[in-house]
Structure formats: C-alpha cells, structure tokens
Amino acid sequence: MAINIKNERVLTLARRAAEVTGKSRVSAIEEAPEQFLEQHADRHRVDIARREEQIRAVLRDADAAPVDPERAIKTREDLYDPTTGLPGDPGRVLSGRHPGQRART
C-alpha cells in the first residue's frame, strides 16, 4: 500500500532520519511509530504500576485503621436501617473492612 506524504516538514524529517540511520526513508518512517508506541507502552505500564501501588497503600491504611465493634457490620441486616429498610450508616465497617472493600485472598 502506498502512502503519499504532502507535508514538507515530515518529508524533511524522513530524509534526515534516513541519513542519520543509514536506512531508507520507508524504513526510517516505519521505525519511528514503532519506537513511539514502545515508549508510550512503557510509560503506560509504569503509570499502571504506580496506580496499583497507590491503591495497595490505601488498602493497607484501611486494614490498619481501628474498628469500633459497635459500628461493625456482622450480618446482612446490619446493612439496613431497621425502621426504614433503607441502607444504613455508610460509616459502618464490614467485618473489619471498609464498605465496598472486597476480602483479599
């Protein structure tokens, strides 16, 4: 499949890249997006790892937080207000874990 580049700056860059690398313009143009994608994929992986570590730190802090036994949710009924049947106090803690936190295995 042919590509027609009409942008003079891109053509100049392709020529310079070919001269510097000793490759053809096509090879230089082919290599550039590959390197771009590799570079951004690495950044993406690092960003995901950083976010995962931040989440783990929050979970460690939550696990270390003291739990008031009076506010602990021990049964399903503890999740709801007995008078209204609506969801109860969102500040209550599910068996030593914060609401919405899944048990880790």
PDB file of N, CA and C in Angstrom:
ATOM      1  N   MET A   1       0.847  -1.169   0.000  1.00  0.00           N
ATOM      2  CA  MET A   1       0.000   0.000   0.000  1.00  0.00           C
ATOM      3  C   MET A   1       0.900   1.242   0.000  1.00  0.00           C
ATOM      4  N   ALA A   2       0.596   2.159  -0.869  1.00  0.00           N
ATOM      5  CA  ALA A   2       1.398   3.375  -0.997  1.00  0.00           C
ATOM      6  C   ALA A   2       0.875   4.460  -0.061  1.00  0.00           C
ATOM      7  N   ILE A   3       1.789   5.343   0.331  1.00  0.00           N
ATOM      8  CA  ILE A   3       1.424   6.491   1.149  1.00  0.00           C
ATOM      9  C   ILE A   3       2.027   7.719   0.491  1.00  0.00           C
ATOM     10  N   ASN A   4       1.238   8.756   0.394  1.00  0.00           N
ATOM     11  CA  ASN A   4       1.682   9.985  -0.261  1.00  0.00           C
ATOM     12  C   ASN A   4       1.770  11.067   0.820  1.00  0.00           C
ATOM     13  N   ILE A   5       2.988  11.440   1.191  1.00  0.00           N
ATOM     14  CA  ILE A   5       3.193  12.446   2.230  1.00  0.00           C
ATOM     15  C   ILE A   5       3.342  13.809   1.565  1.00  0.00           C
ATOM     16  N   LYS A   6       2.418  14.704   1.887  1.00  0.00           N
ATOM     17  CA  LYS A   6       2.426  16.030   1.273  1.00  0.00           C
ATOM     18  C   LYS A   6       2.925  17.098   2.238  1.00  0.00           C
ATOM     19  N   ASN A   7       3.285  16.696   3.434  1.00  0.00           N
ATOM     20  CA  ASN A   7       3.772  17.630   4.439  1.00  0.00           C
ATOM     21  C   ASN A   7       5.291  17.735   4.282  1.00  0.00           C
ATOM     22  N   GLU A   8       5.762  18.912   3.883  1.00  0.00           N
ATOM     23  CA  GLU A   8       7.191  19.105   3.615  1.00  0.00           C
ATOM     24  C   GLU A   8       8.055  18.850   4.849  1.00  0.00           C
ATOM     25  N   ARG A   9       7.562  19.255   6.004  1.00  0.00           N
ATOM     26  CA  ARG A   9       8.323  19.037   7.248  1.00  0.00           C
ATOM     27  C   ARG A   9       8.500  17.542   7.523  1.00  0.00           C
ATOM     28  N   VAL A  10       7.445  16.759   7.320  1.00  0.00           N
ATOM     29  CA  VAL A  10       7.525  15.310   7.533  1.00  0.00           C
ATOM     30  C   VAL A  10       8.501  14.690   6.535  1.00  0.00           C
ATOM     31  N   LEU A  11       8.460  15.137   5.299  1.00  0.00           N
ATOM     32  CA  LEU A  11       9.403  14.625   4.298  1.00  0.00           C
ATOM     33  C   LEU A  11      10.842  14.954   4.680  1.00  0.00           C
ATOM     34  N   THR A  12      11.062  16.173   5.168  1.00  0.00           N
ATOM     35  CA  THR A  12      12.406  16.575   5.595  1.00  0.00           C
ATOM     36  C   THR A  12      12.869  15.710   6.768  1.00  0.00           C
ATOM     37  N   LEU A  13      11.985  15.507   7.722  1.00  0.00           N
ATOM     38  CA  LEU A  13      12.337  14.658   8.859  1.00  0.00           C
ATOM     39  C   LEU A  13      12.639  13.229   8.415  1.00  0.00           C
ATOM     40  N   ALA A  14      11.870  12.709   7.488  1.00  0.00           N
ATOM     41  CA  ALA A  14      12.102  11.357   6.974  1.00  0.00           C
ATOM     42  C   ALA A  14      13.456  11.269   6.278  1.00  0.00           C
ATOM     43  N   ARG A  15      13.785  12.282   5.496  1.00  0.00           N
ATOM     44  CA  ARG A  15      15.103  12.307   4.827  1.00  0.00           C
ATOM     45  C   ARG A  15      16.228  12.333   5.855  1.00  0.00           C
ATOM     46  N   ARG A  16      16.091  13.219   6.850  1.00  0.00           N
ATOM     47  CA  ARG A  16      17.134  13.325   7.886  1.00  0.00           C
ATOM     48  C   ARG A  16      17.264  12.031   8.675  1.00  0.00           C
ATOM     49  N   ALA A  17      16.134  11.422   9.013  1.00  0.00           N
ATOM     50  CA  ALA A  17      16.176  10.156   9.761  1.00  0.00           C
ATOM     51  C   ALA A  17      16.852   9.075   8.935  1.00  0.00           C
ATOM     52  N   ALA A  18      16.575   9.049   7.644  1.00  0.00           N
ATOM     53  CA  ALA A  18      17.207   8.065   6.763  1.00  0.00           C
ATOM     54  C   ALA A  18      18.714   8.298   6.686  1.00  0.00           C
ATOM     55  N   GLU A  19      19.117   9.551   6.594  1.00  0.00           N
ATOM     56  CA  GLU A  19      20.559   9.868   6.531  1.00  0.00           C
ATOM     57  C   GLU A  19      21.261   9.483   7.828  1.00  0.00           C
ATOM     58  N   VAL A  20      20.663   9.828   8.948  1.00  0.00           N
ATOM     59  CA  VAL A  20      21.291   9.563  10.246  1.00  0.00           C
ATOM     60  C   VAL A  20      21.406   8.067  10.508  1.00  0.00           C
ATOM     61  N   THR A  21      20.386   7.310  10.151  1.00  0.00           N
ATOM     62  CA  THR A  21      20.375   5.873  10.455  1.00  0.00           C
ATOM     63  C   THR A  21      20.994   5.031   9.356  1.00  0.00           C
ATOM     64  N   GLY A  22      21.132   5.625   8.168  1.00  0.00           N
ATOM     65  CA  GLY A  22      21.654   4.848   7.047  1.00  0.00           C
ATOM     66  C   GLY A  22      20.598   3.920   6.459  1.00  0.00           C
ATOM     67  N   LYS A  23      19.354   4.144   6.797  1.00  0.00           N
ATOM     68  CA  LYS A  23      18.265   3.317   6.282  1.00  0.00           C
ATOM     69  C   LYS A  23      17.512   4.079   5.204  1.00  0.00           C
ATOM     70  N   SER A  24      16.626   3.375   4.546  1.00  0.00           N
ATOM     71  CA  SER A  24      15.780   4.044   3.553  1.00  0.00           C
ATOM     72  C   SER A  24      14.752   4.909   4.276  1.00  0.00           C
ATOM     73  N   ARG A  25      14.139   5.832   3.536  1.00  0.00           N
ATOM     74  CA  ARG A  25      13.104   6.679   4.136  1.00  0.00           C
ATOM     75  C   ARG A  25      11.934   5.824   4.645  1.00  0.00           C
ATOM     76  N   VAL A  26      11.570   4.814   3.884  1.00  0.00           N
ATOM     77  CA  VAL A  26      10.464   3.939   4.288  1.00  0.00           C
ATOM     78  C   VAL A  26      10.803   3.243   5.613  1.00  0.00           C
ATOM     79  N   SER A  27      12.017   2.738   5.706  1.00  0.00           N
ATOM     80  CA  SER A  27      12.430   2.068   6.949  1.00  0.00           C
ATOM     81  C   SER A  27      12.459   3.039   8.121  1.00  0.00           C
ATOM     82  N   ALA A  28      12.953   4.251   7.880  1.00  0.00           N
ATOM     83  CA  ALA A  28      13.003   5.268   8.932  1.00  0.00           C
ATOM     84  C   ALA A  28      11.598   5.646   9.386  1.00  0.00           C
ATOM     85  N   ILE A  29      10.694   5.798   8.416  1.00  0.00           N
ATOM     86  CA  ILE A  29       9.313   6.137   8.757  1.00  0.00           C
ATOM     87  C   ILE A  29       8.638   4.970   9.484  1.00  0.00           C
ATOM     88  N   GLU A  30       8.942   3.763   9.100  1.00  0.00           N
ATOM     89  CA  GLU A  30       8.368   2.583   9.751  1.00  0.00           C
ATOM     90  C   GLU A  30       8.855   2.462  11.196  1.00  0.00           C
ATOM     91  N   GLU A  31      10.126   2.749  11.407  1.00  0.00           N
ATOM     92  CA  GLU A  31      10.721   2.597  12.735  1.00  0.00           C
ATOM     93  C   GLU A  31      10.219   3.648  13.727  1.00  0.00           C
ATOM     94  N   ALA A  32       9.949   4.840  13.257  1.00  0.00           N
ATOM     95  CA  ALA A  32       9.542   5.934  14.150  1.00  0.00           C
ATOM     96  C   ALA A  32       8.264   5.624  14.931  1.00  0.00           C
ATOM     97  N   PRO A  33       7.168   5.203  14.291  1.00  0.00           N
ATOM     98  CA  PRO A  33       5.978   4.909  15.083  1.00  0.00           C
ATOM     99  C   PRO A  33       6.153   3.688  15.985  1.00  0.00           C
ATOM    100  N   GLU A  34       6.988   2.733  15.555  1.00  0.00           N
ATOM    101  CA  GLU A  34       7.254   1.576  16.423  1.00  0.00           C
ATOM    102  C   GLU A  34       7.922   2.034  17.727  1.00  0.00           C
ATOM    103  N   GLN A  35       8.925   2.902  17.596  1.00  0.00           N
ATOM    104  CA  GLN A  35       9.602   3.414  18.790  1.00  0.00           C
ATOM    105  C   GLN A  35       8.655   4.257  19.636  1.00  0.00           C
ATOM    106  N   PHE A  36       7.836   5.052  18.995  1.00  0.00           N
ATOM    107  CA  PHE A  36       6.858   5.879  19.694  1.00  0.00           C
ATOM    108  C   PHE A  36       5.915   5.008  20.525  1.00  0.00           C
ATOM    109  N   LEU A  37       5.391   3.955  19.897  1.00  0.00           N
ATOM    110  CA  LEU A  37       4.461   3.067  20.594  1.00  0.00           C
ATOM    111  C   LEU A  37       5.135   2.328  21.753  1.00  0.00           C
ATOM    112  N   GLU A  38       6.362   1.878  21.542  1.00  0.00           N
ATOM    113  CA  GLU A  38       7.100   1.205  22.616  1.00  0.00           C
ATOM    114  C   GLU A  38       7.320   2.149  23.798  1.00  0.00           C
ATOM    115  N   GLN A  39       7.720   3.372  23.509  1.00  0.00           N
ATOM    116  CA  GLN A  39       7.976   4.365  24.558  1.00  0.00           C
ATOM    117  C   GLN A  39       6.704   4.637  25.356  1.00  0.00           C
ATOM    118  N   HIS A  40       5.597   4.816  24.668  1.00  0.00           N
ATOM    119  CA  HIS A  40       4.348   5.119  25.365  1.00  0.00           C
ATOM    120  C   HIS A  40       3.792   3.896  26.094  1.00  0.00           C
ATOM    121  N   ALA A  41       4.021   2.711  25.557  1.00  0.00           N
ATOM    122  CA  ALA A  41       3.580   1.500  26.239  1.00  0.00           C
ATOM    123  C   ALA A  41       4.336   1.351  27.560  1.00  0.00           C
ATOM    124  N   ASP A  42       5.633   1.655  27.560  1.00  0.00           N
ATOM    125  CA  ASP A  42       6.426   1.591  28.793  1.00  0.00           C
ATOM    126  C   ASP A  42       5.900   2.583  29.814  1.00  0.00           C
ATOM    127  N   ARG A  43       5.612   3.804  29.382  1.00  0.00           N
ATOM    128  CA  ARG A  43       5.077   4.808  30.290  1.00  0.00           C
ATOM    129  C   ARG A  43       3.737   4.356  30.857  1.00  0.00           C
ATOM    130  N   HIS A  44       2.918   3.762  29.997  1.00  0.00           N
ATOM    131  CA  HIS A  44       1.601   3.283  30.419  1.00  0.00           C
ATOM    132  C   HIS A  44       1.745   2.194  31.490  1.00  0.00           C
ATOM    133  N   ARG A  45       2.671   1.257  31.265  1.00  0.00           N
ATOM    134  CA  ARG A  45       2.900   0.182  32.252  1.00  0.00           C
ATOM    135  C   ARG A  45       3.390   0.760  33.575  1.00  0.00           C
ATOM    136  N   VAL A  46       4.273   1.732  33.524  1.00  0.00           N
ATOM    137  CA  VAL A  46       4.786   2.366  34.745  1.00  0.00           C
ATOM    138  C   VAL A  46       3.653   3.094  35.457  1.00  0.00           C
ATOM    139  N   ASP A  47       2.803   3.780  34.716  1.00  0.00           N
ATOM    140  CA  ASP A  47       1.681   4.505  35.301  1.00  0.00           C
ATOM    141  C   ASP A  47       0.707   3.544  35.976  1.00  0.00           C
ATOM    142  N   ILE A  48       0.425   2.422  35.342  1.00  0.00           N
ATOM    143  CA  ILE A  48      -0.471   1.426  35.938  1.00  0.00           C
ATOM    144  C   ILE A  48       0.147   0.873  37.213  1.00  0.00           C
ATOM    145  N   ALA A  49       1.432   0.552  37.192  1.00  0.00           N
ATOM    146  CA  ALA A  49       2.106   0.030  38.381  1.00  0.00           C
ATOM    147  C   ALA A  49       2.068   1.044  39.519  1.00  0.00           C
ATOM    148  N   ARG A  50       2.255   2.327  39.195  1.00  0.00           N
ATOM    149  CA  ARG A  50       2.208   3.376  40.217  1.00  0.00           C
ATOM    150  C   ARG A  50       0.815   3.465  40.814  1.00  0.00           C
ATOM    151  N   ARG A  51      -0.212   3.420  39.982  1.00  0.00           N
ATOM    152  CA  ARG A  51      -1.588   3.493  40.480  1.00  0.00           C
ATOM    153  C   ARG A  51      -1.934   2.280  41.343  1.00  0.00           C
ATOM    154  N   GLU A  52      -1.483   1.097  40.906  1.00  0.00           N
ATOM    155  CA  GLU A  52      -1.741  -0.109  41.697  1.00  0.00           C
ATOM    156  C   GLU A  52      -1.096   0.003  43.074  1.00  0.00           C
ATOM    157  N   GLU A  53       0.107   0.541  43.135  1.00  0.00           N
ATOM    158  CA  GLU A  53       0.784   0.700  44.427  1.00  0.00           C
ATOM    159  C   GLU A  53       0.048   1.710  45.296  1.00  0.00           C
ATOM    160  N   GLN A  54      -0.466   2.777  44.709  1.00  0.00           N
ATOM    161  CA  GLN A  54      -1.246   3.741  45.484  1.00  0.00           C
ATOM    162  C   GLN A  54      -2.495   3.090  46.067  1.00  0.00           C
ATOM    163  N   ILE A  55      -3.147   2.255  45.286  1.00  0.00           N
ATOM    164  CA  ILE A  55      -4.337   1.547  45.772  1.00  0.00           C
ATOM    165  C   ILE A  55      -3.965   0.600  46.903  1.00  0.00           C
ATOM    166  N   ARG A  56      -2.863  -0.127  46.727  1.00  0.00           N
ATOM    167  CA  ARG A  56      -2.414  -1.042  47.792  1.00  0.00           C
ATOM    168  C   ARG A  56      -2.117  -0.270  49.082  1.00  0.00           C
ATOM    169  N   ALA A  57      -1.522   0.914  48.966  1.00  0.00           N
ATOM    170  CA  ALA A  57      -1.219   1.717  50.144  1.00  0.00           C
ATOM    171  C   ALA A  57      -2.505   2.140  50.851  1.00  0.00           C
ATOM    172  N   VAL A  58      -3.511   2.532  50.091  1.00  0.00           N
ATOM    173  CA  VAL A  58      -4.793   2.913  50.694  1.00  0.00           C
ATOM    174  C   VAL A  58      -5.410   1.710  51.409  1.00  0.00           C
ATOM    175  N   LEU A  59      -5.353   0.545  50.779  1.00  0.00           N
ATOM    176  CA  LEU A  59      -5.913  -0.657  51.408  1.00  0.00           C
ATOM    177  C   LEU A  59      -5.147  -1.040  52.669  1.00  0.00           C
ATOM    178  N   ARG A  60      -3.822  -0.881  52.641  1.00  0.00           N
ATOM    179  CA  ARG A  60      -3.030  -1.168  53.855  1.00  0.00           C
ATOM    180  C   ARG A  60      -3.441  -0.226  54.982  1.00  0.00           C
ATOM    181  N   ASP A  61      -3.606   1.062  54.659  1.00  0.00           N
ATOM    182  CA  ASP A  61      -4.033   2.030  55.670  1.00  0.00           C
ATOM    183  C   ASP A  61      -5.413   1.680  56.202  1.00  0.00           C
ATOM    184  N   ALA A  62      -6.315   1.272  55.305  1.00  0.00           N
ATOM    185  CA  ALA A  62      -7.675   0.907  55.731  1.00  0.00           C
ATOM    186  C   ALA A  62      -7.650  -0.322  56.631  1.00  0.00           C
ATOM    187  N   ASP A  63      -6.817  -1.294  56.279  1.00  0.00           N
ATOM    188  CA  ASP A  63      -6.707  -2.501  57.103  1.00  0.00           C
ATOM    189  C   ASP A  63      -6.143  -2.188  58.486  1.00  0.00           C
ATOM    190  N   ALA A  64      -5.270  -1.189  58.551  1.00  0.00           N
ATOM    191  CA  ALA A  64      -4.628  -0.851  59.825  1.00  0.00           C
ATOM    192  C   ALA A  64      -5.513   0.033  60.705  1.00  0.00           C
ATOM    193  N   ALA A  65      -6.576   0.607  60.120  1.00  0.00           N
ATOM    194  CA  ALA A  65      -7.447   1.510  60.880  1.00  0.00           C
ATOM    195  C   ALA A  65      -8.223   0.720  61.938  1.00  0.00           C
ATOM    196  N   PRO A  66      -8.338   1.292  63.134  1.00  0.00           N
ATOM    197  CA  PRO A  66      -9.085   0.594  64.179  1.00  0.00           C
ATOM    198  C   PRO A  66     -10.575   0.533  63.826  1.00  0.00           C
ATOM    199  N   VAL A  67     -11.224  -0.544  64.273  1.00  0.00           N
ATOM    200  CA  VAL A  67     -12.649  -0.738  64.012  1.00  0.00           C
ATOM    201  C   VAL A  67     -13.401  -0.679  65.340  1.00  0.00           C
ATOM    202  N   ASP A  68     -14.424   0.175  65.375  1.00  0.00           N
ATOM    203  CA  ASP A  68     -15.283   0.269  66.549  1.00  0.00           C
ATOM    204  C   ASP A  68     -16.253  -0.909  66.498  1.00  0.00           C
ATOM    205  N   PRO A  69     -16.197  -1.824  67.466  1.00  0.00           N
ATOM    206  CA  PRO A  69     -17.066  -3.000  67.440  1.00  0.00           C
ATOM    207  C   PRO A  69     -18.552  -2.650  67.398  1.00  0.00           C
ATOM    208  N   GLU A  70     -18.912  -1.487  67.924  1.00  0.00           N
ATOM    209  CA  GLU A  70     -20.322  -1.075  67.917  1.00  0.00           C
ATOM    210  C   GLU A  70     -20.800  -0.751  66.507  1.00  0.00           C
ATOM    211  N   ARG A  71     -19.877  -0.367  65.626  1.00  0.00           N
ATOM    212  CA  ARG A  71     -20.256   0.025  64.267  1.00  0.00           C
ATOM    213  C   ARG A  71     -19.957  -1.058  63.236  1.00  0.00           C
ATOM    214  N   ALA A  72     -19.405  -2.167  63.661  1.00  0.00           N
ATOM    215  CA  ALA A  72     -19.046  -3.234  62.732  1.00  0.00           C
ATOM    216  C   ALA A  72     -20.305  -3.899  62.181  1.00  0.00           C
ATOM    217  N   ILE A  73     -20.262  -4.249  60.920  1.00  0.00           N
ATOM    218  CA  ILE A  73     -21.374  -4.953  60.278  1.00  0.00           C
ATOM    219  C   ILE A  73     -21.074  -6.438  60.366  1.00  0.00           C
ATOM    220  N   LYS A  74     -21.918  -7.121  61.090  1.00  0.00           N
ATOM    221  CA  LYS A  74     -21.688  -8.542  61.306  1.00  0.00           C
ATOM    222  C   LYS A  74     -22.650  -9.409  60.507  1.00  0.00           C
ATOM    223  N   THR A  75     -23.829  -8.881  60.207  1.00  0.00           N
ATOM    224  CA  THR A  75     -24.821  -9.625  59.431  1.00  0.00           C
ATOM    225  C   THR A  75     -25.374  -8.734  58.330  1.00  0.00           C
ATOM    226  N   ARG A  76     -26.096  -9.347  57.405  1.00  0.00           N
ATOM    227  CA  ARG A  76     -26.698  -8.602  56.309  1.00  0.00           C
ATOM    228  C   ARG A  76     -27.678  -7.554  56.834  1.00  0.00           C
ATOM    229  N   GLU A  77     -28.393  -7.880  57.878  1.00  0.00           N
ATOM    230  CA  GLU A  77     -29.374  -6.956  58.453  1.00  0.00           C
ATOM    231  C   GLU A  77     -28.707  -5.675  58.967  1.00  0.00           C
ATOM    232  N   ASP A  78     -27.453  -5.771  59.366  1.00  0.00           N
ATOM    233  CA  ASP A  78     -26.733  -4.591  59.861  1.00  0.00           C
ATOM    234  C   ASP A  78     -26.514  -3.538  58.766  1.00  0.00           C
ATOM    235  N   LEU A  79     -26.720  -3.932  57.507  1.00  0.00           N
ATOM    236  CA  LEU A  79     -26.520  -3.001  56.405  1.00  0.00           C
ATOM    237  C   LEU A  79     -27.685  -2.031  56.243  1.00  0.00           C
ATOM    238  N   TYR A  80     -28.829  -2.343  56.845  1.00  0.00           N
ATOM    239  CA  TYR A  80     -30.045  -1.563  56.630  1.00  0.00           C
ATOM    240  C   TYR A  80     -30.586  -0.990  57.922  1.00  0.00           C
ATOM    241  N   ASP A  81     -31.227   0.154  57.798  1.00  0.00           N
ATOM    242  CA  ASP A  81     -31.889   0.777  58.937  1.00  0.00           C
ATOM    243  C   ASP A  81     -33.122  -0.064  59.262  1.00  0.00           C
ATOM    244  N   PRO A  82     -33.257  -0.530  60.510  1.00  0.00           N
ATOM    245  CA  PRO A  82     -34.378  -1.411  60.847  1.00  0.00           C
ATOM    246  C   PRO A  82     -35.739  -0.720  60.741  1.00  0.00           C
ATOM    247  N   THR A  83     -35.772   0.597  60.864  1.00  0.00           N
ATOM    248  CA  THR A  83     -37.041   1.318  60.814  1.00  0.00           C
ATOM    249  C   THR A  83     -37.502   1.555  59.385  1.00  0.00           C
ATOM    250  N   THR A  84     -36.591   2.007  58.539  1.00  0.00           N
ATOM    251  CA  THR A  84     -36.973   2.387  57.170  1.00  0.00           C
ATOM    252  C   THR A  84     -36.688   1.305  56.141  1.00  0.00           C
ATOM    253  N   GLY A  85     -35.760   0.407  56.442  1.00  0.00           N
ATOM    254  CA  GLY A  85     -35.361  -0.602  55.469  1.00  0.00           C
ATOM    255  C   GLY A  85     -34.395  -0.073  54.433  1.00  0.00           C
ATOM    256  N   LEU A  86     -34.058   1.202  54.556  1.00  0.00           N
ATOM    257  CA  LEU A  86     -33.109   1.813  53.626  1.00  0.00           C
ATOM    258  C   LEU A  86     -31.683   1.489  54.054  1.00  0.00           C
ATOM    259  N   PRO A  87     -30.724   1.670  53.129  1.00  0.00           N
ATOM    260  CA  PRO A  87     -29.327   1.437  53.517  1.00  0.00           C
ATOM    261  C   PRO A  87     -28.987   2.237  54.767  1.00  0.00           C
ATOM    262  N   GLY A  88     -28.228   1.603  55.633  1.00  0.00           N
ATOM    263  CA  GLY A  88     -27.903   2.208  56.919  1.00  0.00           C
ATOM    264  C   GLY A  88     -26.727   3.152  56.856  1.00  0.00           C
ATOM    265  N   ASP A  89     -26.073   3.304  57.969  1.00  0.00           N
ATOM    266  CA  ASP A  89     -24.961   4.228  58.168  1.00  0.00           C
ATOM    267  C   ASP A  89     -23.787   3.854  57.258  1.00  0.00           C
ATOM    268  N   PRO A  90     -23.412   4.717  56.290  1.00  0.00           N
ATOM    269  CA  PRO A  90     -22.302   4.389  55.395  1.00  0.00           C
ATOM    270  C   PRO A  90     -20.953   4.371  56.106  1.00  0.00           C
ATOM    271  N   GLY A  91     -20.890   4.895  57.315  1.00  0.00           N
ATOM    272  CA  GLY A  91     -19.632   4.909  58.052  1.00  0.00           C
ATOM    273  C   GLY A  91     -19.350   3.608  58.781  1.00  0.00           C
ATOM    274  N   ARG A  92     -20.289   2.687  58.740  1.00  0.00           N
ATOM    275  CA  ARG A  92     -20.074   1.408  59.411  1.00  0.00           C
ATOM    276  C   ARG A  92     -19.050   0.590  58.639  1.00  0.00           C
ATOM    277  N   VAL A  93     -18.448  -0.343  59.308  1.00  0.00           N
ATOM    278  CA  VAL A  93     -17.374  -1.125  58.716  1.00  0.00           C
ATOM    279  C   VAL A  93     -17.787  -2.585  58.648  1.00  0.00           C
ATOM    280  N   LEU A  94     -17.593  -3.190  57.475  1.00  0.00           N
ATOM    281  CA  LEU A  94     -17.969  -4.572  57.235  1.00  0.00           C
ATOM    282  C   LEU A  94     -16.878  -5.512  57.736  1.00  0.00           C
ATOM    283  N   SER A  95     -17.122  -6.180  58.816  1.00  0.00           N
ATOM    284  CA  SER A  95     -16.212  -7.189  59.366  1.00  0.00           C
ATOM    285  C   SER A  95     -14.753  -6.753  59.332  1.00  0.00           C
ATOM    286  N   GLY A  96     -14.489  -5.545  59.768  1.00  0.00           N
ATOM    287  CA  GLY A  96     -13.113  -5.052  59.812  1.00  0.00           C
ATOM    288  C   GLY A  96     -12.644  -4.439  58.513  1.00  0.00           C
ATOM    289  N   ARG A  97     -13.502  -4.430  57.475  1.00  0.00           N
ATOM    290  CA  ARG A  97     -13.135  -3.816  56.199  1.00  0.00           C
ATOM    291  C   ARG A  97     -14.076  -2.649  55.941  1.00  0.00           C
ATOM    292  N   HIS A  98     -13.641  -1.711  55.143  1.00  0.00           N
ATOM    293  CA  HIS A  98     -14.466  -0.568  54.797  1.00  0.00           C
ATOM    294  C   HIS A  98     -15.521  -0.986  53.785  1.00  0.00           C
ATOM    295  N   PRO A  99     -16.677  -0.308  53.753  1.00  0.00           N
ATOM    296  CA  PRO A  99     -17.722  -0.661  52.799  1.00  0.00           C
ATOM    297  C   PRO A  99     -17.192  -0.668  51.376  1.00  0.00           C
ATOM    298  N   GLY A 100     -17.564  -1.661  50.621  1.00  0.00           N
ATOM    299  CA  GLY A 100     -17.133  -1.780  49.233  1.00  0.00           C
ATOM    300  C   GLY A 100     -15.796  -2.479  49.068  1.00  0.00           C
ATOM    301  N   GLN A 101     -15.075  -2.698  50.133  1.00  0.00           N
ATOM    302  CA  GLN A 101     -13.770  -3.357  50.052  1.00  0.00           C
ATOM    303  C   GLN A 101     -13.994  -4.856  50.042  1.00  0.00           C
ATOM    304  N   ARG A 102     -13.429  -5.536  49.083  1.00  0.00           N
ATOM    305  CA  ARG A 102     -13.574  -6.980  48.997  1.00  0.00           C
ATOM    306  C   ARG A 102     -12.519  -7.657  49.865  1.00  0.00           C
ATOM    307  N   ALA A 103     -12.886  -8.841  50.318  1.00  0.00           N
ATOM    308  CA  ALA A 103     -11.906  -9.625  51.079  1.00  0.00           C
ATOM    309  C   ALA A 103     -10.787 -10.042  50.146  1.00  0.00           C
ATOM    310  N   ARG A 104      -9.566  -9.934  50.609  1.00  0.00           N
ATOM    311  CA  ARG A 104      -8.417 -10.355  49.808  1.00  0.00           C
ATOM    312  C   ARG A 104      -8.059 -11.780  50.164  1.00  0.00           C
ATOM    313  N   THR A 105      -7.744 -12.531  49.134  1.00  0.00           N
ATOM    314  CA  THR A 105      -7.375 -13.930  49.352  1.00  0.00           C
ATOM    315  C   THR A 105      -5.912 -14.132  49.125  1.00  0.00           C
TER     316      THR A 105
END
